[in-house]
Amino acid sequence: MIGNISYRPNKVGDFVGIRATAIKPEESRKFKPDYKDPYIIDKVLSSNRYVIKDIPGHNLSPELYNSILSPDRIKV
């Protein structure tokens, strides 16, 4: 526990959502979801970073998502 906030380190295989940050200038964030999901943690790196990948069979786009993210951009 860090202060009043409980902290649970994420593990390989955890399902996560990714904070949606990119929107078009003419669109409103009011009715957009805050997170895009589901994704899965593929690898835990040093400095509290995670390799995030698409779950096989759940991807909506033709390209598979594969990125390194910090914990402030993901939600378990």
PDB file of N, CA and C in Angstrom:
ATOM      1  N   MET A   1       0.837  -1.173   0.000  1.00  0.00           N
ATOM      2  CA  MET A   1       0.000   0.000   0.000  1.00  0.00           C
ATOM      3  C   MET A   1       0.884   1.238   0.000  1.00  0.00           C
ATOM      4  N   ILE A   2       0.615   2.144  -0.913  1.00  0.00           N
ATOM      5  CA  ILE A   2       1.361   3.389  -1.024  1.00  0.00           C
ATOM      6  C   ILE A   2       0.432   4.512  -0.572  1.00  0.00           C
ATOM      7  N   GLY A   3       0.682   5.062   0.611  1.00  0.00           N
ATOM      8  CA  GLY A   3      -0.223   6.076   1.141  1.00  0.00           C
ATOM      9  C   GLY A   3      -1.592   5.470   1.361  1.00  0.00           C
ATOM     10  N   ASN A   4      -2.622   6.089   0.822  1.00  0.00           N
ATOM     11  CA  ASN A   4      -3.984   5.565   0.907  1.00  0.00           C
ATOM     12  C   ASN A   4      -4.372   4.777  -0.333  1.00  0.00           C
ATOM     13  N   ILE A   5      -3.445   4.622  -1.272  1.00  0.00           N
ATOM     14  CA  ILE A   5      -3.732   3.938  -2.526  1.00  0.00           C
ATOM     15  C   ILE A   5      -3.122   2.549  -2.486  1.00  0.00           C
ATOM     16  N   SER A   6      -3.939   1.533  -2.686  1.00  0.00           N
ATOM     17  CA  SER A   6      -3.391   0.181  -2.733  1.00  0.00           C
ATOM     18  C   SER A   6      -2.777  -0.054  -4.116  1.00  0.00           C
ATOM     19  N   TYR A   7      -1.676  -0.756  -4.152  1.00  0.00           N
ATOM     20  CA  TYR A   7      -0.950  -1.008  -5.385  1.00  0.00           C
ATOM     21  C   TYR A   7      -0.792  -2.502  -5.552  1.00  0.00           C
ATOM     22  N   ARG A   8      -1.242  -3.015  -6.696  1.00  0.00           N
ATOM     23  CA  ARG A   8      -1.074  -4.425  -7.014  1.00  0.00           C
ATOM     24  C   ARG A   8      -0.285  -4.502  -8.302  1.00  0.00           C
ATOM     25  N   PRO A   9       0.928  -5.047  -8.252  1.00  0.00           N
ATOM     26  CA  PRO A   9       1.705  -5.149  -9.487  1.00  0.00           C
ATOM     27  C   PRO A   9       1.013  -6.065 -10.491  1.00  0.00           C
ATOM     28  N   ASN A  10       1.026  -5.659 -11.734  1.00  0.00           N
ATOM     29  CA  ASN A  10       0.413  -6.453 -12.791  1.00  0.00           C
ATOM     30  C   ASN A  10       1.337  -7.596 -13.167  1.00  0.00           C
ATOM     31  N   LYS A  11       0.736  -8.703 -13.604  1.00  0.00           N
ATOM     32  CA  LYS A  11       1.500  -9.893 -13.956  1.00  0.00           C
ATOM     33  C   LYS A  11       1.246 -10.243 -15.422  1.00  0.00           C
ATOM     34  N   VAL A  12       2.116 -11.079 -15.960  1.00  0.00           N
ATOM     35  CA  VAL A  12       1.943 -11.584 -17.320  1.00  0.00           C
ATOM     36  C   VAL A  12       0.634 -12.358 -17.379  1.00  0.00           C
ATOM     37  N   GLY A  13      -0.170 -12.085 -18.393  1.00  0.00           N
ATOM     38  CA  GLY A  13      -1.447 -12.764 -18.568  1.00  0.00           C
ATOM     39  C   GLY A  13      -2.635 -11.977 -18.041  1.00  0.00           C
ATOM     40  N   ASP A  14      -2.406 -10.869 -17.322  1.00  0.00           N
ATOM     41  CA  ASP A  14      -3.511 -10.030 -16.841  1.00  0.00           C
ATOM     42  C   ASP A  14      -4.172  -9.321 -18.023  1.00  0.00           C
ATOM     43  N   PHE A  15      -5.488  -9.220 -17.966  1.00  0.00           N
ATOM     44  CA  PHE A  15      -6.235  -8.467 -18.969  1.00  0.00           C
ATOM     45  C   PHE A  15      -6.280  -7.010 -18.542  1.00  0.00           C
ATOM     46  N   VAL A  16      -6.030  -6.106 -19.486  1.00  0.00           N
ATOM     47  CA  VAL A  16      -5.986  -4.681 -19.172  1.00  0.00           C
ATOM     48  C   VAL A  16      -6.732  -3.870 -20.227  1.00  0.00           C
ATOM     49  N   GLY A  17      -7.069  -2.652 -19.849  1.00  0.00           N
ATOM     50  CA  GLY A  17      -7.598  -1.661 -20.778  1.00  0.00           C
ATOM     51  C   GLY A  17      -6.551  -0.577 -20.944  1.00  0.00           C
ATOM     52  N   ILE A  18      -6.524   0.059 -22.110  1.00  0.00           N
ATOM     53  CA  ILE A  18      -5.554   1.108 -22.406  1.00  0.00           C
ATOM     54  C   ILE A  18      -6.286   2.438 -22.486  1.00  0.00           C
ATOM     55  N   ARG A  19      -5.751   3.453 -21.790  1.00  0.00           N
ATOM     56  CA  ARG A  19      -6.368   4.777 -21.783  1.00  0.00           C
ATOM     57  C   ARG A  19      -6.409   5.337 -23.201  1.00  0.00           C
ATOM     58  N   ALA A  20      -7.586   5.735 -23.644  1.00  0.00           N
ATOM     59  CA  ALA A  20      -7.772   6.309 -24.978  1.00  0.00           C
ATOM     60  C   ALA A  20      -7.405   7.786 -24.920  1.00  0.00           C
ATOM     61  N   THR A  21      -6.309   8.166 -25.560  1.00  0.00           N
ATOM     62  CA  THR A  21      -5.852   9.546 -25.504  1.00  0.00           C
ATOM     63  C   THR A  21      -6.040  10.292 -26.818  1.00  0.00           C
ATOM     64  N   ALA A  22      -6.040   9.603 -27.931  1.00  0.00           N
ATOM     65  CA  ALA A  22      -6.121  10.262 -29.227  1.00  0.00           C
ATOM     66  C   ALA A  22      -7.576  10.376 -29.676  1.00  0.00           C
ATOM     67  N   ILE A  23      -8.031  11.605 -29.842  1.00  0.00           N
ATOM     68  CA  ILE A  23      -9.343  11.847 -30.424  1.00  0.00           C
ATOM     69  C   ILE A  23      -9.195  12.905 -31.502  1.00  0.00           C
ATOM     70  N   LYS A  24     -10.149  12.954 -32.416  1.00  0.00           N
ATOM     71  CA  LYS A  24     -10.130  13.959 -33.474  1.00  0.00           C
ATOM     72  C   LYS A  24     -10.576  15.302 -32.898  1.00  0.00           C
ATOM     73  N   PRO A  25     -10.056  16.405 -33.422  1.00  0.00           N
ATOM     74  CA  PRO A  25     -10.397  17.722 -32.869  1.00  0.00           C
ATOM     75  C   PRO A  25     -11.891  18.043 -32.890  1.00  0.00           C
ATOM     76  N   GLU A  26     -12.622  17.539 -33.872  1.00  0.00           N
ATOM     77  CA  GLU A  26     -14.045  17.868 -33.970  1.00  0.00           C
ATOM     78  C   GLU A  26     -14.930  16.951 -33.121  1.00  0.00           C
ATOM     79  N   GLU A  27     -14.335  15.937 -32.471  1.00  0.00           N
ATOM     80  CA  GLU A  27     -15.110  15.010 -31.661  1.00  0.00           C
ATOM     81  C   GLU A  27     -15.079  15.413 -30.185  1.00  0.00           C
ATOM     82  N   SER A  28     -16.133  15.083 -29.495  1.00  0.00           N
ATOM     83  CA  SER A  28     -16.220  15.352 -28.072  1.00  0.00           C
ATOM     84  C   SER A  28     -15.813  14.111 -27.285  1.00  0.00           C
ATOM     85  N   ARG A  29     -15.123  14.307 -26.170  1.00  0.00           N
ATOM     86  CA  ARG A  29     -14.744  13.192 -25.302  1.00  0.00           C
ATOM     87  C   ARG A  29     -15.876  12.773 -24.389  1.00  0.00           C
ATOM     88  N   LYS A  30     -16.929  13.556 -24.348  1.00  0.00           N
ATOM     89  CA  LYS A  30     -17.995  13.331 -23.377  1.00  0.00           C
ATOM     90  C   LYS A  30     -18.602  11.933 -23.478  1.00  0.00           C
ATOM     91  N   PHE A  31     -18.827  11.469 -24.690  1.00  0.00           N
ATOM     92  CA  PHE A  31     -19.480  10.176 -24.867  1.00  0.00           C
ATOM     93  C   PHE A  31     -18.521   9.080 -25.334  1.00  0.00           C
ATOM     94  N   LYS A  32     -17.231   9.359 -25.344  1.00  0.00           N
ATOM     95  CA  LYS A  32     -16.228   8.362 -25.729  1.00  0.00           C
ATOM     96  C   LYS A  32     -15.811   7.564 -24.495  1.00  0.00           C
ATOM     97  N   PRO A  33     -15.531   6.277 -24.646  1.00  0.00           N
ATOM     98  CA  PRO A  33     -15.038   5.509 -23.499  1.00  0.00           C
ATOM     99  C   PRO A  33     -13.633   5.971 -23.108  1.00  0.00           C
ATOM    100  N   ASP A  34     -13.330   5.910 -21.823  1.00  0.00           N
ATOM    101  CA  ASP A  34     -12.017   6.330 -21.335  1.00  0.00           C
ATOM    102  C   ASP A  34     -10.927   5.308 -21.659  1.00  0.00           C
ATOM    103  N   TYR A  35     -11.308   4.037 -21.781  1.00  0.00           N
ATOM    104  CA  TYR A  35     -10.336   2.972 -22.025  1.00  0.00           C
ATOM    105  C   TYR A  35     -10.771   2.105 -23.191  1.00  0.00           C
ATOM    106  N   LYS A  36      -9.758   1.617 -23.943  1.00  0.00           N
ATOM    107  CA  LYS A  36      -9.996   0.632 -25.003  1.00  0.00           C
ATOM    108  C   LYS A  36      -9.547  -0.713 -24.438  1.00  0.00           C
ATOM    109  N   ASP A  37     -10.362  -1.733 -24.588  1.00  0.00           N
ATOM    110  CA  ASP A  37      -9.981  -3.039 -24.078  1.00  0.00           C
ATOM    111  C   ASP A  37     -10.658  -4.134 -24.879  1.00  0.00           C
ATOM    112  N   PRO A  38     -10.334  -5.360 -24.753  1.00  0.00           N
ATOM    113  CA  PRO A  38      -9.362  -5.991 -23.865  1.00  0.00           C
ATOM    114  C   PRO A  38      -8.014  -6.176 -24.553  1.00  0.00           C
ATOM    115  N   TYR A  39      -6.986  -6.082 -23.767  1.00  0.00           N
ATOM    116  CA  TYR A  39      -5.618  -6.386 -24.171  1.00  0.00           C
ATOM    117  C   TYR A  39      -5.018  -7.268 -23.081  1.00  0.00           C
ATOM    118  N   ILE A  40      -3.837  -7.817 -23.349  1.00  0.00           N
ATOM    119  CA  ILE A  40      -3.212  -8.723 -22.391  1.00  0.00           C
ATOM    120  C   ILE A  40      -1.753  -8.306 -22.174  1.00  0.00           C
ATOM    121  N   ILE A  41      -1.261  -8.462 -20.946  1.00  0.00           N
ATOM    122  CA  ILE A  41       0.144  -8.180 -20.649  1.00  0.00           C
ATOM    123  C   ILE A  41       0.970  -9.366 -21.105  1.00  0.00           C
ATOM    124  N   ASP A  42       1.911  -9.098 -22.018  1.00  0.00           N
ATOM    125  CA  ASP A  42       2.745 -10.159 -22.579  1.00  0.00           C
ATOM    126  C   ASP A  42       4.063 -10.305 -21.831  1.00  0.00           C
ATOM    127  N   LYS A  43       4.605  -9.173 -21.328  1.00  0.00           N
ATOM    128  CA  LYS A  43       5.902  -9.224 -20.654  1.00  0.00           C
ATOM    129  C   LYS A  43       5.990  -8.046 -19.684  1.00  0.00           C
ATOM    130  N   VAL A  44       6.628  -8.266 -18.551  1.00  0.00           N
ATOM    131  CA  VAL A  44       6.889  -7.201 -17.581  1.00  0.00           C
ATOM    132  C   VAL A  44       8.344  -6.798 -17.730  1.00  0.00           C
ATOM    133  N   LEU A  45       8.588  -5.505 -17.995  1.00  0.00           N
ATOM    134  CA  LEU A  45       9.939  -4.988 -18.177  1.00  0.00           C
ATOM    135  C   LEU A  45      10.402  -4.280 -16.907  1.00  0.00           C
ATOM    136  N   SER A  46      11.662  -3.893 -16.892  1.00  0.00           N
ATOM    137  CA  SER A  46      12.164  -3.128 -15.752  1.00  0.00           C
ATOM    138  C   SER A  46      11.575  -1.719 -15.781  1.00  0.00           C
ATOM    139  N   SER A  47      11.752  -0.996 -14.716  1.00  0.00           N
ATOM    140  CA  SER A  47      11.233   0.377 -14.571  1.00  0.00           C
ATOM    141  C   SER A  47       9.715   0.411 -14.651  1.00  0.00           C
ATOM    142  N   ASN A  48       9.059  -0.690 -14.247  1.00  0.00           N
ATOM    143  CA  ASN A  48       7.603  -0.737 -14.159  1.00  0.00           C
ATOM    144  C   ASN A  48       6.928  -0.461 -15.498  1.00  0.00           C
ATOM    145  N   ARG A  49       7.395  -1.090 -16.557  1.00  0.00           N
ATOM    146  CA  ARG A  49       6.815  -0.966 -17.894  1.00  0.00           C
ATOM    147  C   ARG A  49       6.283  -2.328 -18.321  1.00  0.00           C
ATOM    148  N   TYR A  50       5.298  -2.319 -19.225  1.00  0.00           N
ATOM    149  CA  TYR A  50       4.641  -3.552 -19.655  1.00  0.00           C
ATOM    150  C   TYR A  50       4.548  -3.609 -21.171  1.00  0.00           C
ATOM    151  N   VAL A  51       4.750  -4.814 -21.736  1.00  0.00           N
ATOM    152  CA  VAL A  51       4.507  -5.054 -23.153  1.00  0.00           C
ATOM    153  C   VAL A  51       3.058  -5.520 -23.260  1.00  0.00           C
ATOM    154  N   ILE A  52       2.248  -4.774 -23.993  1.00  0.00           N
ATOM    155  CA  ILE A  52       0.820  -5.041 -24.142  1.00  0.00           C
ATOM    156  C   ILE A  52       0.554  -5.536 -25.556  1.00  0.00           C
ATOM    157  N   LYS A  53      -0.243  -6.598 -25.679  1.00  0.00           N
ATOM    158  CA  LYS A  53      -0.581  -7.162 -26.988  1.00  0.00           C
ATOM    159  C   LYS A  53      -2.081  -7.397 -27.092  1.00  0.00           C
ATOM    160  N   ASP A  54      -2.547  -7.548 -28.337  1.00  0.00           N
ATOM    161  CA  ASP A  54      -3.930  -7.942 -28.588  1.00  0.00           C
ATOM    162  C   ASP A  54      -4.165  -9.363 -28.100  1.00  0.00           C
ATOM    163  N   ILE A  55      -5.387  -9.639 -27.719  1.00  0.00           N
ATOM    164  CA  ILE A  55      -5.782 -11.004 -27.398  1.00  0.00           C
ATOM    165  C   ILE A  55      -6.144 -11.677 -28.716  1.00  0.00           C
ATOM    166  N   PRO A  56      -5.575 -12.831 -29.014  1.00  0.00           N
ATOM    167  CA  PRO A  56      -5.889 -13.492 -30.283  1.00  0.00           C
ATOM    168  C   PRO A  56      -7.390 -13.736 -30.424  1.00  0.00           C
ATOM    169  N   GLY A  57      -7.944 -13.299 -31.549  1.00  0.00           N
ATOM    170  CA  GLY A  57      -9.365 -13.479 -31.815  1.00  0.00           C
ATOM    171  C   GLY A  57     -10.236 -12.319 -31.388  1.00  0.00           C
ATOM    172  N   HIS A  58      -9.700 -11.328 -30.677  1.00  0.00           N
ATOM    173  CA  HIS A  58     -10.485 -10.185 -30.218  1.00  0.00           C
ATOM    174  C   HIS A  58     -10.128  -8.883 -30.915  1.00  0.00           C
ATOM    175  N   ASN A  59      -9.148  -8.903 -31.817  1.00  0.00           N
ATOM    176  CA  ASN A  59      -8.733  -7.660 -32.457  1.00  0.00           C
ATOM    177  C   ASN A  59      -9.746  -7.240 -33.523  1.00  0.00           C
ATOM    178  N   LEU A  60     -10.053  -5.956 -33.542  1.00  0.00           N
ATOM    179  CA  LEU A  60     -11.019  -5.422 -34.497  1.00  0.00           C
ATOM    180  C   LEU A  60     -10.349  -4.844 -35.729  1.00  0.00           C
ATOM    181  N   SER A  61      -9.079  -4.494 -35.619  1.00  0.00           N
ATOM    182  CA  SER A  61      -8.360  -3.925 -36.752  1.00  0.00           C
ATOM    183  C   SER A  61      -7.486  -5.000 -37.393  1.00  0.00           C
ATOM    184  N   PRO A  62      -7.107  -4.792 -38.652  1.00  0.00           N
ATOM    185  CA  PRO A  62      -6.269  -5.794 -39.315  1.00  0.00           C
ATOM    186  C   PRO A  62      -4.863  -5.895 -38.729  1.00  0.00           C
ATOM    187  N   GLU A  63      -4.362  -4.799 -38.109  1.00  0.00           N
ATOM    188  CA  GLU A  63      -3.041  -4.831 -37.495  1.00  0.00           C
ATOM    189  C   GLU A  63      -3.157  -5.248 -36.034  1.00  0.00           C
ATOM    190  N   LEU A  64      -2.225  -6.078 -35.582  1.00  0.00           N
ATOM    191  CA  LEU A  64      -2.198  -6.473 -34.178  1.00  0.00           C
ATOM    192  C   LEU A  64      -1.535  -5.380 -33.355  1.00  0.00           C
ATOM    193  N   TYR A  65      -2.066  -5.111 -32.181  1.00  0.00           N
ATOM    194  CA  TYR A  65      -1.516  -4.088 -31.289  1.00  0.00           C
ATOM    195  C   TYR A  65      -0.376  -4.693 -30.488  1.00  0.00           C
ATOM    196  N   ASN A  66       0.758  -4.018 -30.442  1.00  0.00           N
ATOM    197  CA  ASN A  66       1.926  -4.455 -29.682  1.00  0.00           C
ATOM    198  C   ASN A  66       2.671  -3.207 -29.260  1.00  0.00           C
ATOM    199  N   SER A  67       2.665  -2.891 -27.955  1.00  0.00           N
ATOM    200  CA  SER A  67       3.255  -1.651 -27.494  1.00  0.00           C
ATOM    201  C   SER A  67       3.799  -1.801 -26.074  1.00  0.00           C
ATOM    202  N   ILE A  68       4.689  -0.884 -25.692  1.00  0.00           N
ATOM    203  CA  ILE A  68       5.216  -0.818 -24.332  1.00  0.00           C
ATOM    204  C   ILE A  68       4.562   0.372 -23.652  1.00  0.00           C
ATOM    205  N   LEU A  69       3.936   0.131 -22.501  1.00  0.00           N
ATOM    206  CA  LEU A  69       3.206   1.189 -21.805  1.00  0.00           C
ATOM    207  C   LEU A  69       3.577   1.233 -20.330  1.00  0.00           C
ATOM    208  N   SER A  70       3.385   2.412 -19.746  1.00  0.00           N
ATOM    209  CA  SER A  70       3.588   2.591 -18.318  1.00  0.00           C
ATOM    210  C   SER A  70       2.264   2.315 -17.592  1.00  0.00           C
ATOM    211  N   PRO A  71       2.308   2.064 -16.286  1.00  0.00           N
ATOM    212  CA  PRO A  71       1.081   1.707 -15.564  1.00  0.00           C
ATOM    213  C   PRO A  71       0.047   2.819 -15.487  1.00  0.00           C
ATOM    214  N   ASP A  72       0.438   4.082 -15.722  1.00  0.00           N
ATOM    215  CA  ASP A  72      -0.559   5.144 -15.685  1.00  0.00           C
ATOM    216  C   ASP A  72      -1.449   5.155 -16.927  1.00  0.00           C
ATOM    217  N   ARG A  73      -1.103   4.410 -17.966  1.00  0.00           N
ATOM    218  CA  ARG A  73      -1.908   4.327 -19.182  1.00  0.00           C
ATOM    219  C   ARG A  73      -2.766   3.070 -19.252  1.00  0.00           C
ATOM    220  N   ILE A  74      -2.649   2.161 -18.262  1.00  0.00           N
ATOM    221  CA  ILE A  74      -3.429   0.919 -18.306  1.00  0.00           C
ATOM    222  C   ILE A  74      -4.301   0.774 -17.072  1.00  0.00           C
ATOM    223  N   LYS A  75      -5.349  -0.009 -17.212  1.00  0.00           N
ATOM    224  CA  LYS A  75      -6.265  -0.288 -16.117  1.00  0.00           C
ATOM    225  C   LYS A  75      -6.531  -1.787 -16.089  1.00  0.00           C
ATOM    226  N   VAL A  76      -6.399  -2.392 -14.933  1.00  0.00           N
ATOM    227  CA  VAL A  76      -6.629  -3.830 -14.798  1.00  0.00           C
ATOM    228  C   VAL A  76      -8.107  -4.068 -14.632  1.00  0.00           C
TER     229      VAL A  76
END
